[in-house]
């Protein structure tokens, strides 16, 4: 087990598991699966699974709500409000995504759910990593051994959600490099993509969008900028994107569809 002051990582052999099995065994609500169908060192190596978000950011127009046990409202540019509220509390970059916000940005609208525990499946090594980050300093780390037992020996729930049966059919038909399934409180998104439209890792920006290329010039995140600033530039030319914003400041978004 690896542990810093706020992040705990447990790794086990996952050669008898698949992302679909892990998703079906994971208990909880508002679950997600960001699934890769490739085995490449730099692209598509990992699949990410999670459930039970700690909070939600829901925005429309110039109003963004932060929803957890209580609800707070913020007014102004949606992406800049998200930047102010999104915690950056981890320096870990061993994996691209180790917890954070998953959701979408559309024109004048956004919806993100924040997950403090993420299951990572490495398609190259068949290794399984369970990562938990304490969002609040006083927060207690959950029993990761119980979660590992649930994932490795638990009962597979084939009837968890009707939409997931549709996703399983969809993934067979699409045969895409990247697929996603995200449950929100009142709807579920299913989709696929061949590539990311914007990725920021270790301050290096990879993008297909001209607005971001013009903004960054040298493919490096400007020293004073946050990766969410790059996301704001991407939103100028991408009408709808889905992806993640990590606690470690890394982002990866694809065109929604």
C-alpha atoms as a PDB file:
ATOM      1  CA  UNK A   1       0.000   0.000   0.000  1.00  0.00           C
ATOM      2  CA  UNK A   2       1.201   3.492  -0.880  1.00  0.00           C
ATOM      3  CA  UNK A   3       0.033   6.429   1.215  1.00  0.00           C
ATOM      4  CA  UNK A   4       0.677  10.153   1.431  1.00  0.00           C
ATOM      5  CA  UNK A   5      -1.047  12.583   3.761  1.00  0.00           C
ATOM      6  CA  UNK A   6      -4.255  12.545   1.686  1.00  0.00           C
ATOM      7  CA  UNK A   7      -3.941   9.824  -0.972  1.00  0.00           C
ATOM      8  CA  UNK A   8      -3.959   6.054  -0.450  1.00  0.00           C
ATOM      9  CA  UNK A   9      -3.220   3.534  -3.229  1.00  0.00           C
ATOM     10  CA  UNK A  10      -3.713  -0.229  -3.076  1.00  0.00           C
ATOM     11  CA  UNK A  11      -2.570  -2.448  -5.956  1.00  0.00           C
ATOM     12  CA  UNK A  12      -3.471  -6.063  -6.673  1.00  0.00           C
ATOM     13  CA  UNK A  13      -3.243  -8.545  -9.529  1.00  0.00           C
ATOM     14  CA  UNK A  14      -6.339  -8.207 -11.705  1.00  0.00           C
ATOM     15  CA  UNK A  15      -5.641 -10.792 -14.412  1.00  0.00           C
ATOM     16  CA  UNK A  16      -8.940 -12.588 -13.719  1.00  0.00           C
ATOM     17  CA  UNK A  17     -10.968  -9.380 -13.872  1.00  0.00           C
ATOM     18  CA  UNK A  18     -12.281  -7.039 -16.551  1.00  0.00           C
ATOM     19  CA  UNK A  19     -13.671  -3.493 -16.356  1.00  0.00           C
ATOM     20  CA  UNK A  20     -17.179  -4.873 -16.996  1.00  0.00           C
ATOM     21  CA  UNK A  21     -16.896  -7.365 -14.123  1.00  0.00           C
ATOM     22  CA  UNK A  22     -15.514  -4.681 -11.809  1.00  0.00           C
ATOM     23  CA  UNK A  23     -18.313  -2.293 -12.694  1.00  0.00           C
ATOM     24  CA  UNK A  24     -20.984  -4.925 -12.054  1.00  0.00           C
ATOM     25  CA  UNK A  25     -19.484  -5.878  -8.695  1.00  0.00           C
ATOM     26  CA  UNK A  26     -19.024  -2.316  -7.487  1.00  0.00           C
ATOM     27  CA  UNK A  27     -21.855  -1.280  -5.186  1.00  0.00           C
ATOM     28  CA  UNK A  28     -23.292   2.205  -5.208  1.00  0.00           C
ATOM     29  CA  UNK A  29     -25.100   4.812  -7.253  1.00  0.00           C
ATOM     30  CA  UNK A  30     -24.167   7.305  -9.969  1.00  0.00           C
ATOM     31  CA  UNK A  31     -21.528   4.912 -11.231  1.00  0.00           C
ATOM     32  CA  UNK A  32     -19.193   5.515 -14.130  1.00  0.00           C
ATOM     33  CA  UNK A  33     -16.974   3.541 -16.475  1.00  0.00           C
ATOM     34  CA  UNK A  34     -14.411   5.215 -18.726  1.00  0.00           C
ATOM     35  CA  UNK A  35     -13.281   2.219 -20.736  1.00  0.00           C
ATOM     36  CA  UNK A  36     -10.319   1.785 -23.026  1.00  0.00           C
ATOM     37  CA  UNK A  37     -10.212  -0.860 -25.725  1.00  0.00           C
ATOM     38  CA  UNK A  38      -6.512  -0.439 -26.515  1.00  0.00           C
ATOM     39  CA  UNK A  39      -3.251  -1.517 -24.906  1.00  0.00           C
ATOM     40  CA  UNK A  40      -0.972   1.403 -25.654  1.00  0.00           C
ATOM     41  CA  UNK A  41       1.651   2.869 -23.328  1.00  0.00           C
ATOM     42  CA  UNK A  42       0.546   6.471 -23.751  1.00  0.00           C
ATOM     43  CA  UNK A  43      -3.050   6.297 -24.993  1.00  0.00           C
ATOM     44  CA  UNK A  44      -5.843   4.050 -23.854  1.00  0.00           C
ATOM     45  CA  UNK A  45      -3.864   2.077 -21.324  1.00  0.00           C
ATOM     46  CA  UNK A  46      -6.287   2.479 -18.426  1.00  0.00           C
ATOM     47  CA  UNK A  47      -9.967   2.068 -17.680  1.00  0.00           C
ATOM     48  CA  UNK A  48     -11.515   3.951 -14.745  1.00  0.00           C
ATOM     49  CA  UNK A  49     -14.484   2.921 -12.602  1.00  0.00           C
ATOM     50  CA  UNK A  50     -16.211   4.597  -9.665  1.00  0.00           C
ATOM     51  CA  UNK A  51     -19.426   5.200  -7.726  1.00  0.00           C
ATOM     52  CA  UNK A  52     -20.970   7.372  -5.023  1.00  0.00           C
ATOM     53  CA  UNK A  53     -19.729  10.888  -5.825  1.00  0.00           C
ATOM     54  CA  UNK A  54     -18.985  13.164  -2.887  1.00  0.00           C
ATOM     55  CA  UNK A  55     -20.424  16.253  -4.549  1.00  0.00           C
ATOM     56  CA  UNK A  56     -21.872  17.562  -7.801  1.00  0.00           C
ATOM     57  CA  UNK A  57     -21.239  20.758  -9.758  1.00  0.00           C
ATOM     58  CA  UNK A  58     -24.284  21.678 -11.833  1.00  0.00           C
ATOM     59  CA  UNK A  59     -24.253  24.824 -13.941  1.00  0.00           C
ATOM     60  CA  UNK A  60     -26.441  26.624 -16.415  1.00  0.00           C
ATOM     61  CA  UNK A  61     -26.142  30.148 -17.789  1.00  0.00           C
ATOM     62  CA  UNK A  62     -24.050  32.023 -15.241  1.00  0.00           C
ATOM     63  CA  UNK A  63     -25.094  30.054 -12.139  1.00  0.00           C
ATOM     64  CA  UNK A  64     -23.163  27.072 -10.789  1.00  0.00           C
ATOM     65  CA  UNK A  65     -24.430  24.997  -7.890  1.00  0.00           C
ATOM     66  CA  UNK A  66     -22.145  22.989  -5.608  1.00  0.00           C
ATOM     67  CA  UNK A  67     -24.298  20.164  -4.285  1.00  0.00           C
ATOM     68  CA  UNK A  68     -23.367  17.838  -1.411  1.00  0.00           C
ATOM     69  CA  UNK A  69     -25.037  17.661   2.009  1.00  0.00           C
ATOM     70  CA  UNK A  70     -25.859  21.318   1.451  1.00  0.00           C
ATOM     71  CA  UNK A  71     -26.087  23.391  -1.730  1.00  0.00           C
ATOM     72  CA  UNK A  72     -24.087  26.523  -2.504  1.00  0.00           C
ATOM     73  CA  UNK A  73     -24.667  28.793  -5.491  1.00  0.00           C
ATOM     74  CA  UNK A  74     -21.970  30.691  -7.380  1.00  0.00           C
ATOM     75  CA  UNK A  75     -22.467  33.249 -10.126  1.00  0.00           C
ATOM     76  CA  UNK A  76     -20.233  34.155 -13.041  1.00  0.00           C
ATOM     77  CA  UNK A  77     -18.530  32.329 -15.883  1.00  0.00           C
ATOM     78  CA  UNK A  78     -19.234  28.623 -15.398  1.00  0.00           C
ATOM     79  CA  UNK A  79     -15.760  27.322 -16.175  1.00  0.00           C
ATOM     80  CA  UNK A  80     -14.028  29.968 -14.054  1.00  0.00           C
ATOM     81  CA  UNK A  81     -16.378  29.176 -11.165  1.00  0.00           C
ATOM     82  CA  UNK A  82     -15.541  25.499 -11.578  1.00  0.00           C
ATOM     83  CA  UNK A  83     -11.836  26.359 -11.529  1.00  0.00           C
ATOM     84  CA  UNK A  84     -12.246  28.163  -8.200  1.00  0.00           C
ATOM     85  CA  UNK A  85     -14.176  25.308  -6.585  1.00  0.00           C
ATOM     86  CA  UNK A  86     -12.416  22.262  -8.004  1.00  0.00           C
ATOM     87  CA  UNK A  87      -9.875  21.060  -5.420  1.00  0.00           C
ATOM     88  CA  UNK A  88      -6.295  20.442  -6.473  1.00  0.00           C
ATOM     89  CA  UNK A  89      -5.033  18.425  -3.571  1.00  0.00           C
ATOM     90  CA  UNK A  90      -2.767  15.772  -5.074  1.00  0.00           C
ATOM     91  CA  UNK A  91       0.613  15.783  -6.792  1.00  0.00           C
ATOM     92  CA  UNK A  92       0.347  12.115  -7.786  1.00  0.00           C
ATOM     93  CA  UNK A  93       0.678  11.547 -11.525  1.00  0.00           C
ATOM     94  CA  UNK A  94       1.352   7.792 -11.586  1.00  0.00           C
ATOM     95  CA  UNK A  95      -2.016   7.387 -13.291  1.00  0.00           C
ATOM     96  CA  UNK A  96      -3.722   9.934 -15.551  1.00  0.00           C
ATOM     97  CA  UNK A  97      -6.829  10.058 -13.346  1.00  0.00           C
ATOM     98  CA  UNK A  98      -6.683   9.348  -9.619  1.00  0.00           C
ATOM     99  CA  UNK A  99      -9.924  10.912  -8.508  1.00  0.00           C
ATOM    100  CA  UNK A 100     -11.674  14.164  -9.275  1.00  0.00           C
ATOM    101  CA  UNK A 101     -14.562  15.389 -11.406  1.00  0.00           C
ATOM    102  CA  UNK A 102     -16.194  13.468 -14.248  1.00  0.00           C
ATOM    103  CA  UNK A 103     -18.829  15.058 -16.429  1.00  0.00           C
ATOM    104  CA  UNK A 104     -19.556  17.228 -19.411  1.00  0.00           C
ATOM    105  CA  UNK A 105     -19.453  20.774 -20.725  1.00  0.00           C
ATOM    106  CA  UNK A 106     -21.932  22.012 -23.289  1.00  0.00           C
ATOM    107  CA  UNK A 107     -22.787  25.501 -24.462  1.00  0.00           C
ATOM    108  CA  UNK A 108     -23.833  27.443 -21.322  1.00  0.00           C
ATOM    109  CA  UNK A 109     -24.207  24.209 -19.365  1.00  0.00           C
ATOM    110  CA  UNK A 110     -22.058  21.814 -17.335  1.00  0.00           C
ATOM    111  CA  UNK A 111     -22.486  18.885 -14.993  1.00  0.00           C
ATOM    112  CA  UNK A 112     -19.688  17.198 -13.030  1.00  0.00           C
ATOM    113  CA  UNK A 113     -19.637  14.630 -10.228  1.00  0.00           C
ATOM    114  CA  UNK A 114     -16.638  14.480  -7.873  1.00  0.00           C
ATOM    115  CA  UNK A 115     -15.317  11.041  -6.896  1.00  0.00           C
ATOM    116  CA  UNK A 116     -12.794  10.524  -4.099  1.00  0.00           C
ATOM    117  CA  UNK A 117     -12.313   6.790  -4.762  1.00  0.00           C
ATOM    118  CA  UNK A 118     -11.413   5.431  -8.200  1.00  0.00           C
ATOM    119  CA  UNK A 119     -10.695   1.917  -9.470  1.00  0.00           C
ATOM    120  CA  UNK A 120      -8.038   1.797 -12.193  1.00  0.00           C
ATOM    121  CA  UNK A 121      -7.549  -1.181 -14.501  1.00  0.00           C
ATOM    122  CA  UNK A 122      -4.201  -1.319 -16.328  1.00  0.00           C
ATOM    123  CA  UNK A 123      -4.732  -3.084 -19.657  1.00  0.00           C
ATOM    124  CA  UNK A 124      -0.992  -3.575 -20.212  1.00  0.00           C
ATOM    125  CA  UNK A 125      -0.167  -5.253 -16.902  1.00  0.00           C
ATOM    126  CA  UNK A 126      -3.605  -6.497 -15.725  1.00  0.00           C
ATOM    127  CA  UNK A 127      -2.898  -4.663 -12.480  1.00  0.00           C
ATOM    128  CA  UNK A 128      -5.742  -3.193 -10.464  1.00  0.00           C
ATOM    129  CA  UNK A 129      -5.235  -0.022  -8.424  1.00  0.00           C
ATOM    130  CA  UNK A 130      -7.713   1.379  -5.916  1.00  0.00           C
ATOM    131  CA  UNK A 131      -7.030   5.042  -5.189  1.00  0.00           C
ATOM    132  CA  UNK A 132      -8.673   7.120  -2.467  1.00  0.00           C
ATOM    133  CA  UNK A 133      -8.081  10.820  -1.858  1.00  0.00           C
ATOM    134  CA  UNK A 134      -9.337  12.600   1.250  1.00  0.00           C
ATOM    135  CA  UNK A 135     -11.023  15.739  -0.069  1.00  0.00           C
ATOM    136  CA  UNK A 136     -11.342  17.180   3.433  1.00  0.00           C
ATOM    137  CA  UNK A 137      -8.366  16.975   5.766  1.00  0.00           C
ATOM    138  CA  UNK A 138     -10.462  15.503   8.589  1.00  0.00           C
ATOM    139  CA  UNK A 139     -12.031  12.885   6.300  1.00  0.00           C
ATOM    140  CA  UNK A 140     -11.481   9.246   7.226  1.00  0.00           C
ATOM    141  CA  UNK A 141     -10.018   6.860   4.652  1.00  0.00           C
ATOM    142  CA  UNK A 142     -12.527   4.091   3.848  1.00  0.00           C
ATOM    143  CA  UNK A 143     -11.666   0.439   4.320  1.00  0.00           C
ATOM    144  CA  UNK A 144     -10.038  -0.370   0.996  1.00  0.00           C
ATOM    145  CA  UNK A 145      -9.649  -4.031   1.957  1.00  0.00           C
ATOM    146  CA  UNK A 146     -13.446  -4.337   2.036  1.00  0.00           C
ATOM    147  CA  UNK A 147     -13.667  -2.712  -1.384  1.00  0.00           C
ATOM    148  CA  UNK A 148     -11.031  -5.080  -2.776  1.00  0.00           C
ATOM    149  CA  UNK A 149     -12.969  -8.055  -1.383  1.00  0.00           C
ATOM    150  CA  UNK A 150     -16.129  -6.731  -3.027  1.00  0.00           C
ATOM    151  CA  UNK A 151     -14.370  -6.365  -6.378  1.00  0.00           C
ATOM    152  CA  UNK A 152     -12.478  -9.657  -6.383  1.00  0.00           C
ATOM    153  CA  UNK A 153     -14.963 -12.006  -4.726  1.00  0.00           C
ATOM    154  CA  UNK A 154     -18.265 -10.166  -4.763  1.00  0.00           C
ATOM    155  CA  UNK A 155     -21.453 -11.077  -6.563  1.00  0.00           C
ATOM    156  CA  UNK A 156     -21.760  -9.805 -10.106  1.00  0.00           C
ATOM    157  CA  UNK A 157     -24.926  -7.744 -10.434  1.00  0.00           C
ATOM    158  CA  UNK A 158     -26.013  -8.227 -14.034  1.00  0.00           C
ATOM    159  CA  UNK A 159     -29.222  -6.239 -13.539  1.00  0.00           C
ATOM    160  CA  UNK A 160     -27.776  -3.163 -11.876  1.00  0.00           C
ATOM    161  CA  UNK A 161     -29.072  -0.636 -14.383  1.00  0.00           C
ATOM    162  CA  UNK A 162     -31.031  -1.126 -17.603  1.00  0.00           C
ATOM    163  CA  UNK A 163     -28.863   1.443 -19.380  1.00  0.00           C
ATOM    164  CA  UNK A 164     -25.750  -0.619 -18.686  1.00  0.00           C
ATOM    165  CA  UNK A 165     -27.188  -3.500 -20.711  1.00  0.00           C
ATOM    166  CA  UNK A 166     -27.550  -1.014 -23.561  1.00  0.00           C
ATOM    167  CA  UNK A 167     -23.933   0.047 -23.038  1.00  0.00           C
ATOM    168  CA  UNK A 168     -22.713  -3.537 -23.294  1.00  0.00           C
ATOM    169  CA  UNK A 169     -24.473  -3.923 -26.636  1.00  0.00           C
ATOM    170  CA  UNK A 170     -23.172  -0.529 -27.737  1.00  0.00           C
ATOM    171  CA  UNK A 171     -19.537  -1.352 -26.971  1.00  0.00           C
ATOM    172  CA  UNK A 172     -19.729  -4.519 -29.101  1.00  0.00           C
ATOM    173  CA  UNK A 173     -21.236  -2.632 -32.015  1.00  0.00           C
ATOM    174  CA  UNK A 174     -18.871   0.342 -31.835  1.00  0.00           C
ATOM    175  CA  UNK A 175     -15.491  -1.333 -31.301  1.00  0.00           C
ATOM    176  CA  UNK A 176     -14.153   2.140 -30.480  1.00  0.00           C
ATOM    177  CA  UNK A 177     -10.869   2.952 -28.753  1.00  0.00           C
ATOM    178  CA  UNK A 178     -12.597   4.867 -25.961  1.00  0.00           C
ATOM    179  CA  UNK A 179     -16.050   4.309 -24.505  1.00  0.00           C
ATOM    180  CA  UNK A 180     -17.884   5.921 -21.640  1.00  0.00           C
ATOM    181  CA  UNK A 181     -20.843   5.188 -19.415  1.00  0.00           C
ATOM    182  CA  UNK A 182     -21.741   7.796 -16.782  1.00  0.00           C
ATOM    183  CA  UNK A 183     -24.784   7.738 -14.508  1.00  0.00           C
ATOM    184  CA  UNK A 184     -26.027  11.095 -13.272  1.00  0.00           C
ATOM    185  CA  UNK A 185     -28.892  11.646 -10.830  1.00  0.00           C
ATOM    186  CA  UNK A 186     -31.554  11.870 -13.532  1.00  0.00           C
ATOM    187  CA  UNK A 187     -29.962  10.599 -16.749  1.00  0.00           C
ATOM    188  CA  UNK A 188     -27.168   8.402 -18.107  1.00  0.00           C
ATOM    189  CA  UNK A 189     -24.681   9.158 -20.885  1.00  0.00           C
ATOM    190  CA  UNK A 190     -23.295   6.461 -23.190  1.00  0.00           C
ATOM    191  CA  UNK A 191     -20.848   7.174 -25.984  1.00  0.00           C
ATOM    192  CA  UNK A 192     -17.600   6.438 -27.779  1.00  0.00           C
ATOM    193  CA  UNK A 193     -14.703   8.250 -29.380  1.00  0.00           C
ATOM    194  CA  UNK A 194     -11.590   7.538 -31.401  1.00  0.00           C
ATOM    195  CA  UNK A 195      -9.454  10.204 -29.676  1.00  0.00           C
ATOM    196  CA  UNK A 196      -9.259  12.966 -27.093  1.00  0.00           C
ATOM    197  CA  UNK A 197      -9.918  16.537 -28.170  1.00  0.00           C
ATOM    198  CA  UNK A 198      -7.833  17.901 -25.298  1.00  0.00           C
ATOM    199  CA  UNK A 199      -5.493  16.286 -22.793  1.00  0.00           C
ATOM    200  CA  UNK A 200      -3.275  17.983 -20.230  1.00  0.00           C
ATOM    201  CA  UNK A 201      -0.698  15.824 -18.494  1.00  0.00           C
ATOM    202  CA  UNK A 202       2.290  17.154 -16.558  1.00  0.00           C
ATOM    203  CA  UNK A 203       1.602  20.602 -18.085  1.00  0.00           C
ATOM    204  CA  UNK A 204       1.886  19.220 -21.649  1.00  0.00           C
ATOM    205  CA  UNK A 205      -1.161  19.953 -23.802  1.00  0.00           C
ATOM    206  CA  UNK A 206      -2.245  17.559 -26.537  1.00  0.00           C
ATOM    207  CA  UNK A 207      -5.189  18.787 -28.575  1.00  0.00           C
ATOM    208  CA  UNK A 208      -6.945  18.678 -31.918  1.00  0.00           C
ATOM    209  CA  UNK A 209      -8.568  22.088 -31.366  1.00  0.00           C
ATOM    210  CA  UNK A 210      -7.182  25.199 -33.110  1.00  0.00           C
ATOM    211  CA  UNK A 211      -8.296  27.570 -30.343  1.00  0.00           C
ATOM    212  CA  UNK A 212      -6.157  25.715 -27.812  1.00  0.00           C
ATOM    213  CA  UNK A 213      -3.183  25.489 -30.187  1.00  0.00           C
ATOM    214  CA  UNK A 214      -3.259  29.249 -30.724  1.00  0.00           C
ATOM    215  CA  UNK A 215      -3.592  29.869 -26.991  1.00  0.00           C
ATOM    216  CA  UNK A 216      -0.680  27.666 -25.925  1.00  0.00           C
ATOM    217  CA  UNK A 217       1.724  28.133 -28.874  1.00  0.00           C
ATOM    218  CA  UNK A 218       4.373  25.684 -27.611  1.00  0.00           C
ATOM    219  CA  UNK A 219       2.057  22.882 -26.366  1.00  0.00           C
ATOM    220  CA  UNK A 220       2.935  23.768 -22.777  1.00  0.00           C
ATOM    221  CA  UNK A 221       0.490  24.960 -20.159  1.00  0.00           C
ATOM    222  CA  UNK A 222       1.471  28.567 -19.346  1.00  0.00           C
ATOM    223  CA  UNK A 223       3.161  28.802 -15.915  1.00  0.00           C
ATOM    224  CA  UNK A 224       0.358  30.833 -14.364  1.00  0.00           C
ATOM    225  CA  UNK A 225      -2.450  28.784 -15.921  1.00  0.00           C
ATOM    226  CA  UNK A 226      -4.520  25.878 -14.624  1.00  0.00           C
ATOM    227  CA  UNK A 227      -5.484  22.996 -16.880  1.00  0.00           C
ATOM    228  CA  UNK A 228      -9.075  24.232 -16.558  1.00  0.00           C
ATOM    229  CA  UNK A 229      -7.949  27.377 -18.402  1.00  0.00           C
ATOM    230  CA  UNK A 230      -7.023  25.130 -21.328  1.00  0.00           C
ATOM    231  CA  UNK A 231     -10.441  23.523 -21.016  1.00  0.00           C
ATOM    232  CA  UNK A 232     -12.036  26.969 -21.273  1.00  0.00           C
ATOM    233  CA  UNK A 233     -10.191  27.551 -24.549  1.00  0.00           C
ATOM    234  CA  UNK A 234     -11.293  24.144 -25.804  1.00  0.00           C
ATOM    235  CA  UNK A 235     -14.916  24.971 -25.054  1.00  0.00           C
ATOM    236  CA  UNK A 236     -14.749  27.856 -27.540  1.00  0.00           C
ATOM    237  CA  UNK A 237     -14.523  25.445 -30.477  1.00  0.00           C
ATOM    238  CA  UNK A 238     -15.933  22.187 -29.074  1.00  0.00           C
ATOM    239  CA  UNK A 239     -19.686  22.504 -28.474  1.00  0.00           C
ATOM    240  CA  UNK A 240     -19.940  19.433 -26.227  1.00  0.00           C
ATOM    241  CA  UNK A 241     -17.178  17.570 -24.370  1.00  0.00           C
ATOM    242  CA  UNK A 242     -17.112  14.801 -21.771  1.00  0.00           C
ATOM    243  CA  UNK A 243     -14.152  13.829 -19.622  1.00  0.00           C
ATOM    244  CA  UNK A 244     -12.361  14.227 -16.306  1.00  0.00           C
ATOM    245  CA  UNK A 245     -10.587  16.869 -14.242  1.00  0.00           C
ATOM    246  CA  UNK A 246      -8.227  15.196 -11.790  1.00  0.00           C
ATOM    247  CA  UNK A 247      -7.309  16.257  -8.275  1.00  0.00           C
ATOM    248  CA  UNK A 248      -3.754  16.288  -9.669  1.00  0.00           C
ATOM    249  CA  UNK A 249      -4.665  18.942 -12.261  1.00  0.00           C
ATOM    250  CA  UNK A 250      -4.668  16.600 -15.247  1.00  0.00           C
ATOM    251  CA  UNK A 251      -7.580  16.613 -17.697  1.00  0.00           C
ATOM    252  CA  UNK A 252      -8.775  14.521 -20.625  1.00  0.00           C
ATOM    253  CA  UNK A 253     -11.879  15.275 -22.697  1.00  0.00           C
ATOM    254  CA  UNK A 254     -13.430  13.822 -25.805  1.00  0.00           C
ATOM    255  CA  UNK A 255     -16.193  15.159 -28.003  1.00  0.00           C
ATOM    256  CA  UNK A 256     -19.506  14.033 -26.594  1.00  0.00           C
ATOM    257  CA  UNK A 257     -21.470  11.850 -28.935  1.00  0.00           C
END
